[in-house]
């Protein structure tokens, strides 16, 4: 709408990342991992958590301020089923992931 345009909101993506579900190749042209939810911190918007279905993984990524590929800083695995939800604390110190097996996993964010 006109109000959004005046506020500078275009509704267009300014950066897009693909999650393959693999450790060594996060950016691919044909992703093979469905992402059910993603969230980022409100501190400096550089930490992203994502809940996905491949290997029942949830990941925490660092987004470089100058652009470039995401870097995996933590992975959560071991749920019996896929993670469907995630949230990040405002200061990016912890994240929580919800699995379809009924579990909730809280993870401290640590840069490897």
Foldseek 3Di string as FASTA:
>chain_A
DVVCVVVVHDVDDPDDWAQQVDQPDGGDPDHDKDWQDKEAAQQPRQWMWTWIFVQQKIFIWGADPVGDHIHTFDMDHDDPGTWRDKYAYNVRQKMWTAGPVGDIDIGGGDGD
